[in-house]
Amino acid sequence: MLVLVWFVVCIIFYFVKFILGNSGHALEVFAVLSAVAIFLISKIRHKIK
């Protein structure tokens, strides 16, 4: 499960870095998208169990 979270966070980081570059808002966008992705993974994981 941790590998899945790490993989998703890496993909999100790549896309945010690619789209926004060194923009001042890149870190905020990355934090929000990562939080949403981890939340959704958690919800899916609990639904499966």
C-alpha atoms as a PDB file:
ATOM      1  CA  MET A   1       0.000   0.000   0.000  1.00  0.00           C
ATOM      2  CA  LEU A   2       2.834   2.374   0.841  1.00  0.00           C
ATOM      3  CA  VAL A   3       4.373   1.727  -2.577  1.00  0.00           C
ATOM      4  CA  LEU A   4       1.107   2.758  -4.237  1.00  0.00           C
ATOM      5  CA  VAL A   5       1.008   6.013  -2.254  1.00  0.00           C
ATOM      6  CA  TRP A   6       4.665   6.714  -3.070  1.00  0.00           C
ATOM      7  CA  PHE A   7       4.047   6.025  -6.781  1.00  0.00           C
ATOM      8  CA  VAL A   8       1.012   8.336  -6.900  1.00  0.00           C
ATOM      9  CA  VAL A   9       2.851  11.135  -5.082  1.00  0.00           C
ATOM     10  CA  CYS A  10       5.782  10.856  -7.500  1.00  0.00           C
ATOM     11  CA  ILE A  11       3.454  11.094 -10.503  1.00  0.00           C
ATOM     12  CA  ILE A  12       1.699  14.123  -9.010  1.00  0.00           C
ATOM     13  CA  PHE A  13       5.067  15.765  -8.283  1.00  0.00           C
ATOM     14  CA  TYR A  14       6.206  15.200 -11.872  1.00  0.00           C
ATOM     15  CA  PHE A  15       3.058  16.710 -13.398  1.00  0.00           C
ATOM     16  CA  VAL A  16       3.038  19.724 -11.064  1.00  0.00           C
ATOM     17  CA  LYS A  17       6.735  20.352 -11.737  1.00  0.00           C
ATOM     18  CA  PHE A  18       6.183  19.937 -15.491  1.00  0.00           C
ATOM     19  CA  ILE A  19       3.154  22.247 -15.658  1.00  0.00           C
ATOM     20  CA  LEU A  20       4.068  24.937 -13.124  1.00  0.00           C
ATOM     21  CA  GLY A  21       7.865  24.694 -13.113  1.00  0.00           C
ATOM     22  CA  ASN A  22       9.407  26.879 -10.417  1.00  0.00           C
ATOM     23  CA  SER A  23       6.244  28.856  -9.829  1.00  0.00           C
ATOM     24  CA  GLY A  24       5.580  30.010  -6.290  1.00  0.00           C
ATOM     25  CA  HIS A  25       2.322  28.065  -6.247  1.00  0.00           C
ATOM     26  CA  ALA A  26       3.812  24.715  -7.287  1.00  0.00           C
ATOM     27  CA  LEU A  27       4.369  23.576  -3.704  1.00  0.00           C
ATOM     28  CA  GLU A  28       0.828  24.476  -2.658  1.00  0.00           C
ATOM     29  CA  VAL A  29      -0.695  22.698  -5.657  1.00  0.00           C
ATOM     30  CA  PHE A  30       1.484  19.651  -4.992  1.00  0.00           C
ATOM     31  CA  ALA A  31       0.434  19.559  -1.321  1.00  0.00           C
ATOM     32  CA  VAL A  32      -3.277  19.823  -2.123  1.00  0.00           C
ATOM     33  CA  LEU A  33      -3.191  17.218  -4.897  1.00  0.00           C
ATOM     34  CA  SER A  34      -1.156  14.826  -2.738  1.00  0.00           C
ATOM     35  CA  ALA A  35      -3.580  15.190   0.157  1.00  0.00           C
ATOM     36  CA  VAL A  36      -6.565  14.521  -2.110  1.00  0.00           C
ATOM     37  CA  ALA A  37      -4.868  11.484  -3.676  1.00  0.00           C
ATOM     38  CA  ILE A  38      -3.933   9.989  -0.302  1.00  0.00           C
ATOM     39  CA  PHE A  39      -7.470  10.597   0.955  1.00  0.00           C
ATOM     40  CA  LEU A  40      -8.975   8.844  -2.070  1.00  0.00           C
ATOM     41  CA  ILE A  41      -6.581   5.906  -1.755  1.00  0.00           C
ATOM     42  CA  SER A  42      -7.553   5.587   1.897  1.00  0.00           C
ATOM     43  CA  LYS A  43     -11.269   5.650   1.059  1.00  0.00           C
ATOM     44  CA  ILE A  44     -10.843   3.018  -1.646  1.00  0.00           C
ATOM     45  CA  ARG A  45      -8.752   0.849   0.661  1.00  0.00           C
ATOM     46  CA  HIS A  46     -11.377   0.937   3.434  1.00  0.00           C
ATOM     47  CA  LYS A  47     -14.175   0.243   0.933  1.00  0.00           C
ATOM     48  CA  ILE A  48     -12.406  -2.886  -0.300  1.00  0.00           C
ATOM     49  CA  LYS A  49     -11.931  -4.307   3.198  1.00  0.00           C
END
